[in-house]
Amino acid sequence: MRGVLLESVSTEGLAVFTGEGFFDPQAVEAVLVDIAKFEEELAEATSQSSLFSRLDAAKFAATKSVVGYISFGPPEHGQAWGAWEVTRSAGRGYGKILYAIGYALSPKGLIMPDRRSVSFSARAAWEKASKNHDSLPLDALPPENKTDTTEDDAEIHDEEDYPFLDRAYKAQGWEKGTVSRLIAAGKSLEGKLEKKFKGKAEQIVAKFHSAGTRLFMSNYSEGPEI
């Protein structure tokens, strides 16, 4: 639905939190957090003791430090080679990292455009992906399918000018290591919050996730820049 990853990028100072999809419980969502921004906002909010408790200050800081959001999961119909479709994403300037998360967490290392709606900016991004990633063609669902195998069956866009929307794109190979480090950074941050706020870290992490969904809803017409 949104932009796509093309190459490795710096992830220094960033962390990822994953969880059940807000819009679709069958999907996986991930939020990308700027750790330095969180710490800056936390210090500022904590200094305003008349307005915030320490925990409320952390929750407020969480809402101000999410820089990216992505949601993806298996398609509703068809096998699509095992690819997960990217259904929602937002985060200007973080498209490469966001889609790396999709490639890394997809069981087959394959992702594809949303089967229902693809924005104009996303079309351009997937077209670039078609030139930088290996991919597999998708076939229509029965009875319109053209190949004997069911592995490639999926809902297809079947748009003559945009054939790249009906392909499943392969990871380039660096994504798992990069995303593992991002998730580890998220767990490390959560561990520090757990100690500092005496078992209340879960509430702060929940704010990261809710901030991610708000980021998407406020930017849903535009995909991440690539």
C-alpha atoms as a PDB file:
ATOM      1  CA  MET A   1       0.000   0.000   0.000  1.00  0.00           C
ATOM      2  CA  ARG A   2       2.911   2.349   0.691  1.00  0.00           C
ATOM      3  CA  GLY A   3       6.565   2.865  -0.342  1.00  0.00           C
ATOM      4  CA  VAL A   4       9.170   0.119  -0.458  1.00  0.00           C
ATOM      5  CA  LEU A   5      12.677  -0.731   0.655  1.00  0.00           C
ATOM      6  CA  LEU A   6      15.526  -0.574  -1.838  1.00  0.00           C
ATOM      7  CA  GLU A   7      18.809  -0.836   0.088  1.00  0.00           C
ATOM      8  CA  SER A   8      20.410  -0.925   3.524  1.00  0.00           C
ATOM      9  CA  VAL A   9      20.227   2.248   5.606  1.00  0.00           C
ATOM     10  CA  SER A  10      21.544   3.463   8.944  1.00  0.00           C
ATOM     11  CA  THR A  11      19.413   2.493  11.923  1.00  0.00           C
ATOM     12  CA  GLU A  12      21.527   4.084  14.644  1.00  0.00           C
ATOM     13  CA  GLY A  13      19.439   5.467  17.499  1.00  0.00           C
ATOM     14  CA  LEU A  14      16.268   3.675  16.410  1.00  0.00           C
ATOM     15  CA  ALA A  15      14.243   0.882  18.005  1.00  0.00           C
ATOM     16  CA  VAL A  16      11.339  -1.282  16.884  1.00  0.00           C
ATOM     17  CA  PHE A  17       8.355  -2.579  18.838  1.00  0.00           C
ATOM     18  CA  THR A  18       6.117  -5.204  17.239  1.00  0.00           C
ATOM     19  CA  GLY A  19       2.667  -6.417  18.177  1.00  0.00           C
ATOM     20  CA  GLU A  20      -0.792  -7.419  17.047  1.00  0.00           C
ATOM     21  CA  GLY A  21      -2.269  -5.191  14.359  1.00  0.00           C
ATOM     22  CA  PHE A  22      -4.579  -2.439  15.579  1.00  0.00           C
ATOM     23  CA  PHE A  23      -6.698  -2.389  12.413  1.00  0.00           C
ATOM     24  CA  ASP A  24      -6.520  -6.151  11.814  1.00  0.00           C
ATOM     25  CA  PRO A  25      -5.740  -8.556  14.693  1.00  0.00           C
ATOM     26  CA  GLN A  26      -4.470 -11.099  12.128  1.00  0.00           C
ATOM     27  CA  ALA A  27      -1.786  -8.670  10.977  1.00  0.00           C
ATOM     28  CA  VAL A  28       1.526  -7.717  12.562  1.00  0.00           C
ATOM     29  CA  GLU A  29       2.323  -4.081  13.220  1.00  0.00           C
ATOM     30  CA  ALA A  30       5.647  -2.482  13.998  1.00  0.00           C
ATOM     31  CA  VAL A  31       6.446   0.996  15.266  1.00  0.00           C
ATOM     32  CA  LEU A  32       9.785   2.692  14.771  1.00  0.00           C
ATOM     33  CA  VAL A  33      10.974   4.839  17.685  1.00  0.00           C
ATOM     34  CA  ASP A  34      13.640   7.548  17.800  1.00  0.00           C
ATOM     35  CA  ILE A  35      15.302   6.784  21.144  1.00  0.00           C
ATOM     36  CA  ALA A  36      17.029  10.150  21.503  1.00  0.00           C
ATOM     37  CA  LYS A  37      13.746  11.935  20.787  1.00  0.00           C
ATOM     38  CA  PHE A  38      12.008   9.852  23.434  1.00  0.00           C
ATOM     39  CA  GLU A  39      14.669  10.660  26.016  1.00  0.00           C
ATOM     40  CA  GLU A  40      14.544  14.355  25.118  1.00  0.00           C
ATOM     41  CA  GLU A  41      10.762  14.488  25.396  1.00  0.00           C
ATOM     42  CA  LEU A  42      10.866  12.496  28.642  1.00  0.00           C
ATOM     43  CA  ALA A  43      13.350  14.916  30.217  1.00  0.00           C
ATOM     44  CA  GLU A  44      11.266  17.897  29.141  1.00  0.00           C
ATOM     45  CA  ALA A  45       7.990  16.411  30.371  1.00  0.00           C
ATOM     46  CA  THR A  46       9.553  15.258  33.653  1.00  0.00           C
ATOM     47  CA  SER A  47      10.801  18.785  34.326  1.00  0.00           C
ATOM     48  CA  GLN A  48       7.192  19.964  34.240  1.00  0.00           C
ATOM     49  CA  SER A  49       6.352  18.141  37.462  1.00  0.00           C
ATOM     50  CA  SER A  50       3.244  20.215  38.049  1.00  0.00           C
ATOM     51  CA  LEU A  51       1.716  18.823  34.860  1.00  0.00           C
ATOM     52  CA  PHE A  52       2.999  15.239  34.728  1.00  0.00           C
ATOM     53  CA  SER A  53       3.664  12.333  37.036  1.00  0.00           C
ATOM     54  CA  ARG A  54       6.849  10.463  36.085  1.00  0.00           C
ATOM     55  CA  LEU A  55       4.816   7.720  34.402  1.00  0.00           C
ATOM     56  CA  ASP A  56       2.595  10.193  32.567  1.00  0.00           C
ATOM     57  CA  ALA A  57       5.704  12.015  31.402  1.00  0.00           C
ATOM     58  CA  ALA A  58       7.004   8.774  29.868  1.00  0.00           C
ATOM     59  CA  LYS A  59       3.674   8.066  28.196  1.00  0.00           C
ATOM     60  CA  PHE A  60       3.614  11.572  26.754  1.00  0.00           C
ATOM     61  CA  ALA A  61       7.207  11.205  25.521  1.00  0.00           C
ATOM     62  CA  ALA A  62       6.256   7.936  23.818  1.00  0.00           C
ATOM     63  CA  THR A  63       3.571   9.693  21.784  1.00  0.00           C
ATOM     64  CA  LYS A  64       6.129  12.220  20.534  1.00  0.00           C
ATOM     65  CA  SER A  65       8.921   9.862  19.508  1.00  0.00           C
ATOM     66  CA  VAL A  66       7.387   7.423  17.012  1.00  0.00           C
ATOM     67  CA  VAL A  67       8.748   8.105  13.525  1.00  0.00           C
ATOM     68  CA  GLY A  68       7.373   5.167  11.553  1.00  0.00           C
ATOM     69  CA  TYR A  69       4.565   2.611  11.411  1.00  0.00           C
ATOM     70  CA  ILE A  70       3.931  -0.462   9.261  1.00  0.00           C
ATOM     71  CA  SER A  71       1.320  -3.208   9.260  1.00  0.00           C
ATOM     72  CA  PHE A  72       1.479  -6.399   7.203  1.00  0.00           C
ATOM     73  CA  GLY A  73       0.308  -9.988   7.189  1.00  0.00           C
ATOM     74  CA  PRO A  74      -0.821 -12.927   5.065  1.00  0.00           C
ATOM     75  CA  PRO A  75      -3.361 -12.183   2.334  1.00  0.00           C
ATOM     76  CA  GLU A  76      -6.997 -12.977   2.957  1.00  0.00           C
ATOM     77  CA  HIS A  77      -7.262 -15.060  -0.214  1.00  0.00           C
ATOM     78  CA  GLY A  78      -4.722 -17.194  -2.042  1.00  0.00           C
ATOM     79  CA  GLN A  79      -1.176 -18.270  -1.205  1.00  0.00           C
ATOM     80  CA  ALA A  80       0.778 -15.608  -3.131  1.00  0.00           C
ATOM     81  CA  TRP A  81       3.988 -17.661  -2.756  1.00  0.00           C
ATOM     82  CA  GLY A  82       3.731 -17.082   1.001  1.00  0.00           C
ATOM     83  CA  ALA A  83       4.223 -13.316   0.662  1.00  0.00           C
ATOM     84  CA  TRP A  84       2.793 -10.954   3.251  1.00  0.00           C
ATOM     85  CA  GLU A  85       1.006  -7.899   1.954  1.00  0.00           C
ATOM     86  CA  VAL A  86       1.900  -4.454   3.245  1.00  0.00           C
ATOM     87  CA  THR A  87      -1.459  -2.986   4.170  1.00  0.00           C
ATOM     88  CA  ARG A  88      -0.536   0.216   6.019  1.00  0.00           C
ATOM     89  CA  SER A  89       2.577   2.274   6.587  1.00  0.00           C
ATOM     90  CA  ALA A  90       3.663   5.804   7.369  1.00  0.00           C
ATOM     91  CA  GLY A  91       6.914   7.510   8.237  1.00  0.00           C
ATOM     92  CA  ARG A  92       8.410  10.127   5.974  1.00  0.00           C
ATOM     93  CA  GLY A  93      12.031   9.306   5.232  1.00  0.00           C
ATOM     94  CA  TYR A  94      11.920   5.851   6.865  1.00  0.00           C
ATOM     95  CA  GLY A  95      10.492   3.748   4.028  1.00  0.00           C
ATOM     96  CA  LYS A  96      13.588   1.575   3.600  1.00  0.00           C
ATOM     97  CA  ILE A  97      13.669   0.649   7.274  1.00  0.00           C
ATOM     98  CA  LEU A  98       9.938   0.055   7.513  1.00  0.00           C
ATOM     99  CA  TYR A  99       9.877  -2.326   4.601  1.00  0.00           C
ATOM    100  CA  ALA A 100      12.980  -4.069   5.868  1.00  0.00           C
ATOM    101  CA  ILE A 101      10.830  -4.995   8.873  1.00  0.00           C
ATOM    102  CA  GLY A 102       8.274  -6.544   6.522  1.00  0.00           C
ATOM    103  CA  TYR A 103      10.895  -8.572   4.656  1.00  0.00           C
ATOM    104  CA  ALA A 104      12.529  -9.716   7.891  1.00  0.00           C
ATOM    105  CA  LEU A 105       9.351 -10.832   9.639  1.00  0.00           C
ATOM    106  CA  SER A 106       7.572 -12.366   6.654  1.00  0.00           C
ATOM    107  CA  PRO A 107       8.049 -16.147   7.021  1.00  0.00           C
ATOM    108  CA  LYS A 108       9.136 -16.491   3.380  1.00  0.00           C
ATOM    109  CA  GLY A 109      11.046 -13.209   3.201  1.00  0.00           C
ATOM    110  CA  LEU A 110       8.512 -12.010   0.616  1.00  0.00           C
ATOM    111  CA  ILE A 111       6.252  -8.959   0.635  1.00  0.00           C
ATOM    112  CA  MET A 112       3.804  -7.541  -1.872  1.00  0.00           C
ATOM    113  CA  PRO A 113       1.611  -4.466  -2.313  1.00  0.00           C
ATOM    114  CA  ASP A 114      -1.760  -4.203  -0.638  1.00  0.00           C
ATOM    115  CA  ARG A 115      -4.214  -6.344  -2.594  1.00  0.00           C
ATOM    116  CA  ARG A 116      -6.957  -3.721  -2.437  1.00  0.00           C
ATOM    117  CA  SER A 117      -5.580  -0.202  -2.558  1.00  0.00           C
ATOM    118  CA  VAL A 118      -2.242   1.266  -3.650  1.00  0.00           C
ATOM    119  CA  SER A 119      -1.635   5.005  -3.453  1.00  0.00           C
ATOM    120  CA  PHE A 120       0.046   6.965  -6.242  1.00  0.00           C
ATOM    121  CA  SER A 121       3.262   7.362  -4.255  1.00  0.00           C
ATOM    122  CA  ALA A 122       3.244   3.643  -3.473  1.00  0.00           C
ATOM    123  CA  ARG A 123       2.934   2.737  -7.141  1.00  0.00           C
ATOM    124  CA  ALA A 124       6.102   4.670  -7.877  1.00  0.00           C
ATOM    125  CA  ALA A 125       7.884   3.000  -4.972  1.00  0.00           C
ATOM    126  CA  TRP A 126       6.872  -0.530  -5.975  1.00  0.00           C
ATOM    127  CA  GLU A 127       7.973   0.218  -9.532  1.00  0.00           C
ATOM    128  CA  LYS A 128      11.430   1.074  -8.172  1.00  0.00           C
ATOM    129  CA  ALA A 129      11.365  -2.144  -6.154  1.00  0.00           C
ATOM    130  CA  SER A 130      10.698  -4.096  -9.336  1.00  0.00           C
ATOM    131  CA  LYS A 131      14.070  -2.891 -10.631  1.00  0.00           C
ATOM    132  CA  ASN A 132      16.026  -3.633  -7.449  1.00  0.00           C
ATOM    133  CA  HIS A 133      14.497  -6.812  -6.028  1.00  0.00           C
ATOM    134  CA  ASP A 134      13.998 -10.277  -7.428  1.00  0.00           C
ATOM    135  CA  SER A 135      10.312 -11.132  -7.518  1.00  0.00           C
ATOM    136  CA  LEU A 136       7.751 -13.802  -8.351  1.00  0.00           C
ATOM    137  CA  PRO A 137       4.639 -13.299 -10.520  1.00  0.00           C
ATOM    138  CA  LEU A 138       1.207 -13.629  -8.963  1.00  0.00           C
ATOM    139  CA  ASP A 139      -1.643 -15.449 -10.651  1.00  0.00           C
ATOM    140  CA  ALA A 140      -5.362 -14.778 -10.321  1.00  0.00           C
ATOM    141  CA  LEU A 141      -7.599 -16.771  -8.016  1.00  0.00           C
ATOM    142  CA  PRO A 142      -9.647 -19.665  -9.450  1.00  0.00           C
ATOM    143  CA  PRO A 143     -11.412 -19.885 -11.806  1.00  0.00           C
ATOM    144  CA  GLU A 144      -9.470 -17.066 -13.523  1.00  0.00           C
ATOM    145  CA  ASN A 145      -6.049 -18.517 -12.624  1.00  0.00           C
ATOM    146  CA  LYS A 146      -3.764 -19.174 -15.585  1.00  0.00           C
ATOM    147  CA  THR A 147      -1.250 -21.608 -14.047  1.00  0.00           C
ATOM    148  CA  ASP A 148      -1.825 -25.085 -12.631  1.00  0.00           C
ATOM    149  CA  THR A 149      -0.090 -24.424  -9.310  1.00  0.00           C
ATOM    150  CA  THR A 150      -2.017 -22.844  -6.445  1.00  0.00           C
ATOM    151  CA  GLU A 151       1.129 -21.413  -4.835  1.00  0.00           C
ATOM    152  CA  ASP A 152       1.003 -18.244  -6.929  1.00  0.00           C
ATOM    153  CA  ASP A 153      -2.735 -17.623  -6.637  1.00  0.00           C
ATOM    154  CA  ALA A 154      -3.749 -14.261  -5.173  1.00  0.00           C
ATOM    155  CA  GLU A 155      -6.135 -11.404  -5.599  1.00  0.00           C
ATOM    156  CA  ILE A 156      -4.579  -9.394  -8.404  1.00  0.00           C
ATOM    157  CA  HIS A 157      -4.857  -5.787  -9.552  1.00  0.00           C
ATOM    158  CA  ASP A 158      -4.484  -6.772 -13.208  1.00  0.00           C
ATOM    159  CA  GLU A 159      -3.673  -3.225 -14.296  1.00  0.00           C
ATOM    160  CA  GLU A 160      -1.900  -3.107 -17.644  1.00  0.00           C
ATOM    161  CA  ASP A 161       0.176  -0.040 -16.760  1.00  0.00           C
ATOM    162  CA  TYR A 162       1.214  -1.391 -13.349  1.00  0.00           C
ATOM    163  CA  PRO A 163       2.255  -5.046 -13.754  1.00  0.00           C
ATOM    164  CA  PHE A 164       4.695  -4.668 -10.831  1.00  0.00           C
ATOM    165  CA  LEU A 165       1.749  -4.555  -8.422  1.00  0.00           C
ATOM    166  CA  ASP A 166       1.089  -8.231  -9.105  1.00  0.00           C
ATOM    167  CA  ARG A 167       4.432  -9.597  -7.960  1.00  0.00           C
ATOM    168  CA  ALA A 168       5.846 -10.847  -4.659  1.00  0.00           C
ATOM    169  CA  TYR A 169       9.182  -9.184  -3.871  1.00  0.00           C
ATOM    170  CA  LYS A 170      12.159 -10.961  -2.301  1.00  0.00           C
ATOM    171  CA  ALA A 171      14.372  -9.657   0.497  1.00  0.00           C
ATOM    172  CA  GLN A 172      17.896  -8.645  -0.488  1.00  0.00           C
ATOM    173  CA  GLY A 173      19.475 -10.539   2.410  1.00  0.00           C
ATOM    174  CA  TRP A 174      20.547  -7.855   4.881  1.00  0.00           C
ATOM    175  CA  GLU A 175      17.130  -7.227   6.386  1.00  0.00           C
ATOM    176  CA  LYS A 176      17.019  -9.922   9.096  1.00  0.00           C
ATOM    177  CA  GLY A 177      20.228  -8.776  10.770  1.00  0.00           C
ATOM    178  CA  THR A 178      19.246  -5.125  10.655  1.00  0.00           C
ATOM    179  CA  VAL A 179      15.768  -5.741  12.014  1.00  0.00           C
ATOM    180  CA  SER A 180      17.074  -8.082  14.721  1.00  0.00           C
ATOM    181  CA  ARG A 181      19.209  -5.208  16.004  1.00  0.00           C
ATOM    182  CA  LEU A 182      16.249  -2.830  15.916  1.00  0.00           C
ATOM    183  CA  ILE A 183      14.053  -5.262  17.865  1.00  0.00           C
ATOM    184  CA  ALA A 184      16.878  -5.859  20.350  1.00  0.00           C
ATOM    185  CA  ALA A 185      17.127  -2.093  20.841  1.00  0.00           C
ATOM    186  CA  GLY A 186      13.405  -2.024  21.560  1.00  0.00           C
ATOM    187  CA  LYS A 187      13.703  -4.792  24.140  1.00  0.00           C
ATOM    188  CA  SER A 188      16.639  -3.011  25.733  1.00  0.00           C
ATOM    189  CA  LEU A 189      14.667   0.222  26.009  1.00  0.00           C
ATOM    190  CA  GLU A 190      11.669  -1.644  27.426  1.00  0.00           C
ATOM    191  CA  GLY A 191      13.930  -3.303  30.010  1.00  0.00           C
ATOM    192  CA  LYS A 192      15.273   0.059  31.158  1.00  0.00           C
ATOM    193  CA  LEU A 193      11.751   1.443  31.400  1.00  0.00           C
ATOM    194  CA  GLU A 194      10.662  -1.614  33.398  1.00  0.00           C
ATOM    195  CA  LYS A 195      13.338  -0.893  36.004  1.00  0.00           C
ATOM    196  CA  LYS A 196      12.783   2.850  36.065  1.00  0.00           C
ATOM    197  CA  PHE A 197       9.004   2.697  36.307  1.00  0.00           C
ATOM    198  CA  LYS A 198       8.700  -0.404  38.468  1.00  0.00           C
ATOM    199  CA  GLY A 199       6.797  -2.754  36.202  1.00  0.00           C
ATOM    200  CA  LYS A 200       4.875  -0.115  34.228  1.00  0.00           C
ATOM    201  CA  ALA A 201       6.852  -0.381  30.978  1.00  0.00           C
ATOM    202  CA  GLU A 202       3.968  -2.172  29.284  1.00  0.00           C
ATOM    203  CA  GLN A 203       1.856   0.962  29.567  1.00  0.00           C
ATOM    204  CA  ILE A 204       4.576   3.053  27.898  1.00  0.00           C
ATOM    205  CA  VAL A 205       5.057   0.534  25.092  1.00  0.00           C
ATOM    206  CA  ALA A 206       1.297   0.617  24.499  1.00  0.00           C
ATOM    207  CA  LYS A 207       1.643   4.367  23.930  1.00  0.00           C
ATOM    208  CA  PHE A 208       4.308   3.738  21.290  1.00  0.00           C
ATOM    209  CA  HIS A 209       1.855   1.503  19.457  1.00  0.00           C
ATOM    210  CA  SER A 210      -1.081   3.899  19.715  1.00  0.00           C
ATOM    211  CA  ALA A 211       1.151   6.726  18.494  1.00  0.00           C
ATOM    212  CA  GLY A 212       2.027   4.582  15.481  1.00  0.00           C
ATOM    213  CA  THR A 213      -1.592   4.075  14.501  1.00  0.00           C
ATOM    214  CA  ARG A 214      -2.220   7.811  14.856  1.00  0.00           C
ATOM    215  CA  LEU A 215       0.800   8.514  12.669  1.00  0.00           C
ATOM    216  CA  PHE A 216      -0.688   6.315   9.971  1.00  0.00           C
ATOM    217  CA  MET A 217      -4.167   7.795  10.243  1.00  0.00           C
ATOM    218  CA  SER A 218      -2.801  11.329   9.937  1.00  0.00           C
ATOM    219  CA  ASN A 219      -0.638  10.445   6.933  1.00  0.00           C
ATOM    220  CA  TYR A 220      -2.470   7.587   5.260  1.00  0.00           C
ATOM    221  CA  SER A 221      -2.588   9.283   1.854  1.00  0.00           C
ATOM    222  CA  GLU A 222       1.202   9.396   1.607  1.00  0.00           C
ATOM    223  CA  GLY A 223       3.732   6.581   1.762  1.00  0.00           C
ATOM    224  CA  PRO A 224       7.184   6.694   3.365  1.00  0.00           C
ATOM    225  CA  GLU A 225       9.786   8.439   1.239  1.00  0.00           C
ATOM    226  CA  ILE A 226      12.430   6.180  -0.266  1.00  0.00           C
END
